[in-house]
């Protein structure tokens, strides 16, 4: 009888674990960005990355430093060059770019981020400081971008 109760308890625990580990289709869609709603947790993780690595140059308000570090807030470059922006975060960037009509020619060193962190910080930047860039970035998208 003891053995039967123990098996029953183990089966119930396994069932509970299975139930808790399965995400609903909505949760999977929200996480991987197949829905139009931006995943708030990705944005929150991205804000942490931004505050650790990006804030020094691009500033807390995303406005950068004119002619030295380009703005991310209301940036026409960011809006129109999402792939190049992801590439800059993933691999670094150098050379001349024009942002909101201003020429920038500085170096952004590679940050050493993994694809998930790149996606998160892009999702944060795309939705911070009034930016409303309707482009959900996933780690899978980031992984397909080469130098």
C-alpha atoms as a PDB file:
ATOM      1  CA  UNK A   1       0.000   0.000   0.000  1.00  0.00           C
ATOM      2  CA  UNK A   2       2.877   2.387   0.825  1.00  0.00           C
ATOM      3  CA  UNK A   3       4.441   1.694  -2.556  1.00  0.00           C
ATOM      4  CA  UNK A   4       1.159   2.473  -4.356  1.00  0.00           C
ATOM      5  CA  UNK A   5       0.845   5.835  -2.528  1.00  0.00           C
ATOM      6  CA  UNK A   6       4.452   6.700  -3.358  1.00  0.00           C
ATOM      7  CA  UNK A   7       3.918   5.921  -7.058  1.00  0.00           C
ATOM      8  CA  UNK A   8       0.744   7.975  -7.042  1.00  0.00           C
ATOM      9  CA  UNK A   9       2.567  10.946  -5.457  1.00  0.00           C
ATOM     10  CA  UNK A  10       5.427  10.663  -7.967  1.00  0.00           C
ATOM     11  CA  UNK A  11       2.968  10.536 -10.865  1.00  0.00           C
ATOM     12  CA  UNK A  12       1.145  13.602  -9.552  1.00  0.00           C
ATOM     13  CA  UNK A  13       4.420  15.483  -9.169  1.00  0.00           C
ATOM     14  CA  UNK A  14       5.478  14.550 -12.695  1.00  0.00           C
ATOM     15  CA  UNK A  15       2.113  15.647 -14.047  1.00  0.00           C
ATOM     16  CA  UNK A  16       2.364  18.969 -12.193  1.00  0.00           C
ATOM     17  CA  UNK A  17       5.914  19.495 -13.485  1.00  0.00           C
ATOM     18  CA  UNK A  18       4.820  18.739 -17.035  1.00  0.00           C
ATOM     19  CA  UNK A  19       1.879  21.126 -16.725  1.00  0.00           C
ATOM     20  CA  UNK A  20       4.026  23.939 -15.324  1.00  0.00           C
ATOM     21  CA  UNK A  21       6.786  23.530 -17.902  1.00  0.00           C
ATOM     22  CA  UNK A  22       4.483  23.745 -20.916  1.00  0.00           C
ATOM     23  CA  UNK A  23       3.850  27.237 -22.171  1.00  0.00           C
ATOM     24  CA  UNK A  24       0.593  28.130 -23.758  1.00  0.00           C
ATOM     25  CA  UNK A  25       0.590  28.951 -27.457  1.00  0.00           C
ATOM     26  CA  UNK A  26       0.004  32.608 -26.543  1.00  0.00           C
ATOM     27  CA  UNK A  27       3.060  32.674 -24.260  1.00  0.00           C
ATOM     28  CA  UNK A  28       5.207  31.044 -26.951  1.00  0.00           C
ATOM     29  CA  UNK A  29       3.950  33.509 -29.543  1.00  0.00           C
ATOM     30  CA  UNK A  30       4.540  36.474 -27.244  1.00  0.00           C
ATOM     31  CA  UNK A  31       8.096  35.327 -26.412  1.00  0.00           C
ATOM     32  CA  UNK A  32       9.136  34.675 -29.978  1.00  0.00           C
ATOM     33  CA  UNK A  33       7.495  37.806 -31.289  1.00  0.00           C
ATOM     34  CA  UNK A  34       4.974  36.326 -33.662  1.00  0.00           C
ATOM     35  CA  UNK A  35       2.254  38.493 -32.153  1.00  0.00           C
ATOM     36  CA  UNK A  36       2.142  42.233 -32.579  1.00  0.00           C
ATOM     37  CA  UNK A  37       2.419  42.900 -28.831  1.00  0.00           C
ATOM     38  CA  UNK A  38       5.974  43.666 -27.800  1.00  0.00           C
ATOM     39  CA  UNK A  39       7.250  41.360 -25.100  1.00  0.00           C
ATOM     40  CA  UNK A  40       7.618  43.526 -22.001  1.00  0.00           C
ATOM     41  CA  UNK A  41      10.141  41.219 -20.342  1.00  0.00           C
ATOM     42  CA  UNK A  42      12.463  41.481 -23.379  1.00  0.00           C
ATOM     43  CA  UNK A  43      12.253  45.262 -23.169  1.00  0.00           C
ATOM     44  CA  UNK A  44      13.009  45.170 -19.439  1.00  0.00           C
ATOM     45  CA  UNK A  45      16.034  42.896 -19.988  1.00  0.00           C
ATOM     46  CA  UNK A  46      17.141  45.184 -22.808  1.00  0.00           C
ATOM     47  CA  UNK A  47      16.959  48.205 -20.544  1.00  0.00           C
ATOM     48  CA  UNK A  48      19.361  46.480 -18.144  1.00  0.00           C
ATOM     49  CA  UNK A  49      21.806  45.805 -20.997  1.00  0.00           C
ATOM     50  CA  UNK A  50      21.451  49.392 -22.210  1.00  0.00           C
ATOM     51  CA  UNK A  51      22.099  50.779 -18.726  1.00  0.00           C
ATOM     52  CA  UNK A  52      25.185  48.581 -18.353  1.00  0.00           C
ATOM     53  CA  UNK A  53      26.814  49.106 -21.738  1.00  0.00           C
ATOM     54  CA  UNK A  54      25.192  51.792 -23.895  1.00  0.00           C
ATOM     55  CA  UNK A  55      24.199  54.621 -21.592  1.00  0.00           C
ATOM     56  CA  UNK A  56      27.716  56.070 -21.342  1.00  0.00           C
ATOM     57  CA  UNK A  57      27.755  57.070 -25.013  1.00  0.00           C
ATOM     58  CA  UNK A  58      24.082  57.275 -26.001  1.00  0.00           C
ATOM     59  CA  UNK A  59      22.991  58.808 -22.674  1.00  0.00           C
ATOM     60  CA  UNK A  60      20.030  58.030 -20.417  1.00  0.00           C
ATOM     61  CA  UNK A  61      17.655  59.900 -22.699  1.00  0.00           C
ATOM     62  CA  UNK A  62      18.962  58.184 -25.863  1.00  0.00           C
ATOM     63  CA  UNK A  63      20.004  61.525 -27.371  1.00  0.00           C
ATOM     64  CA  UNK A  64      23.730  60.697 -27.594  1.00  0.00           C
ATOM     65  CA  UNK A  65      26.304  63.463 -27.948  1.00  0.00           C
ATOM     66  CA  UNK A  66      25.967  65.505 -31.136  1.00  0.00           C
ATOM     67  CA  UNK A  67      28.637  64.790 -33.755  1.00  0.00           C
ATOM     68  CA  UNK A  68      30.271  62.236 -31.422  1.00  0.00           C
ATOM     69  CA  UNK A  69      27.731  59.550 -30.471  1.00  0.00           C
ATOM     70  CA  UNK A  70      24.524  59.347 -32.520  1.00  0.00           C
ATOM     71  CA  UNK A  71      21.098  59.590 -30.956  1.00  0.00           C
ATOM     72  CA  UNK A  72      18.878  56.559 -30.648  1.00  0.00           C
ATOM     73  CA  UNK A  73      15.832  58.591 -29.633  1.00  0.00           C
ATOM     74  CA  UNK A  74      13.845  59.608 -32.718  1.00  0.00           C
ATOM     75  CA  UNK A  75      16.661  58.294 -34.903  1.00  0.00           C
ATOM     76  CA  UNK A  76      15.926  58.058 -38.610  1.00  0.00           C
ATOM     77  CA  UNK A  77      18.956  55.770 -38.979  1.00  0.00           C
ATOM     78  CA  UNK A  78      17.630  53.331 -36.380  1.00  0.00           C
ATOM     79  CA  UNK A  79      14.170  53.345 -37.906  1.00  0.00           C
ATOM     80  CA  UNK A  80      15.361  52.845 -41.485  1.00  0.00           C
ATOM     81  CA  UNK A  81      18.352  50.567 -40.848  1.00  0.00           C
ATOM     82  CA  UNK A  82      17.279  47.903 -38.379  1.00  0.00           C
ATOM     83  CA  UNK A  83      19.624  45.221 -39.755  1.00  0.00           C
ATOM     84  CA  UNK A  84      22.614  47.561 -39.715  1.00  0.00           C
ATOM     85  CA  UNK A  85      21.681  48.643 -36.176  1.00  0.00           C
ATOM     86  CA  UNK A  86      21.558  45.017 -35.009  1.00  0.00           C
ATOM     87  CA  UNK A  87      24.887  44.411 -36.731  1.00  0.00           C
ATOM     88  CA  UNK A  88      26.414  47.412 -34.916  1.00  0.00           C
ATOM     89  CA  UNK A  89      25.321  46.074 -31.537  1.00  0.00           C
ATOM     90  CA  UNK A  90      26.467  42.546 -32.361  1.00  0.00           C
ATOM     91  CA  UNK A  91      29.800  43.259 -34.090  1.00  0.00           C
ATOM     92  CA  UNK A  92      30.594  46.918 -33.447  1.00  0.00           C
ATOM     93  CA  UNK A  93      30.682  49.655 -36.053  1.00  0.00           C
ATOM     94  CA  UNK A  94      33.030  52.211 -37.533  1.00  0.00           C
ATOM     95  CA  UNK A  95      32.841  54.665 -40.377  1.00  0.00           C
ATOM     96  CA  UNK A  96      30.615  57.500 -41.346  1.00  0.00           C
ATOM     97  CA  UNK A  97      26.859  57.417 -40.853  1.00  0.00           C
ATOM     98  CA  UNK A  98      24.242  60.138 -41.051  1.00  0.00           C
ATOM     99  CA  UNK A  99      21.633  60.315 -38.320  1.00  0.00           C
ATOM    100  CA  UNK A 100      18.892  62.931 -38.465  1.00  0.00           C
ATOM    101  CA  UNK A 101      20.983  64.922 -40.936  1.00  0.00           C
ATOM    102  CA  UNK A 102      24.126  64.983 -38.759  1.00  0.00           C
ATOM    103  CA  UNK A 103      27.336  63.178 -39.796  1.00  0.00           C
ATOM    104  CA  UNK A 104      28.878  60.810 -37.231  1.00  0.00           C
ATOM    105  CA  UNK A 105      32.223  59.118 -37.743  1.00  0.00           C
ATOM    106  CA  UNK A 106      33.197  57.390 -34.527  1.00  0.00           C
ATOM    107  CA  UNK A 107      33.854  53.820 -33.477  1.00  0.00           C
ATOM    108  CA  UNK A 108      31.502  51.568 -31.562  1.00  0.00           C
ATOM    109  CA  UNK A 109      33.410  48.593 -30.173  1.00  0.00           C
ATOM    110  CA  UNK A 110      31.807  45.137 -30.166  1.00  0.00           C
ATOM    111  CA  UNK A 111      29.981  44.691 -26.890  1.00  0.00           C
ATOM    112  CA  UNK A 112      30.391  40.922 -26.566  1.00  0.00           C
ATOM    113  CA  UNK A 113      26.668  40.282 -26.236  1.00  0.00           C
ATOM    114  CA  UNK A 114      24.946  37.003 -26.970  1.00  0.00           C
ATOM    115  CA  UNK A 115      22.097  36.976 -29.510  1.00  0.00           C
ATOM    116  CA  UNK A 116      19.414  37.122 -26.802  1.00  0.00           C
ATOM    117  CA  UNK A 117      20.970  40.241 -25.284  1.00  0.00           C
ATOM    118  CA  UNK A 118      21.274  41.896 -28.698  1.00  0.00           C
ATOM    119  CA  UNK A 119      17.596  41.180 -29.385  1.00  0.00           C
ATOM    120  CA  UNK A 120      16.556  42.472 -25.967  1.00  0.00           C
ATOM    121  CA  UNK A 121      18.499  45.727 -26.228  1.00  0.00           C
ATOM    122  CA  UNK A 122      17.144  46.316 -29.746  1.00  0.00           C
ATOM    123  CA  UNK A 123      13.605  45.757 -28.483  1.00  0.00           C
ATOM    124  CA  UNK A 124      14.264  48.229 -25.668  1.00  0.00           C
ATOM    125  CA  UNK A 125      15.756  50.864 -27.995  1.00  0.00           C
ATOM    126  CA  UNK A 126      12.954  50.389 -30.532  1.00  0.00           C
ATOM    127  CA  UNK A 127      10.410  51.167 -27.809  1.00  0.00           C
ATOM    128  CA  UNK A 128      12.175  53.788 -25.650  1.00  0.00           C
ATOM    129  CA  UNK A 129      12.220  57.606 -25.704  1.00  0.00           C
ATOM    130  CA  UNK A 130       9.154  57.855 -27.900  1.00  0.00           C
ATOM    131  CA  UNK A 131      10.439  55.353 -30.487  1.00  0.00           C
ATOM    132  CA  UNK A 132       7.620  53.185 -31.777  1.00  0.00           C
ATOM    133  CA  UNK A 133       9.476  51.001 -34.252  1.00  0.00           C
ATOM    134  CA  UNK A 134       7.208  48.111 -35.139  1.00  0.00           C
ATOM    135  CA  UNK A 135       9.951  45.546 -35.533  1.00  0.00           C
ATOM    136  CA  UNK A 136      10.130  42.686 -33.066  1.00  0.00           C
ATOM    137  CA  UNK A 137      13.715  41.404 -32.875  1.00  0.00           C
ATOM    138  CA  UNK A 138      14.239  37.787 -31.831  1.00  0.00           C
ATOM    139  CA  UNK A 139      17.456  35.913 -31.032  1.00  0.00           C
ATOM    140  CA  UNK A 140      16.818  33.868 -34.180  1.00  0.00           C
ATOM    141  CA  UNK A 141      16.837  37.024 -36.301  1.00  0.00           C
ATOM    142  CA  UNK A 142      20.057  38.196 -34.647  1.00  0.00           C
ATOM    143  CA  UNK A 143      21.740  34.808 -35.176  1.00  0.00           C
ATOM    144  CA  UNK A 144      21.205  35.085 -38.953  1.00  0.00           C
ATOM    145  CA  UNK A 145      22.980  38.445 -39.254  1.00  0.00           C
ATOM    146  CA  UNK A 146      26.573  38.174 -40.419  1.00  0.00           C
ATOM    147  CA  UNK A 147      29.307  40.797 -40.423  1.00  0.00           C
END
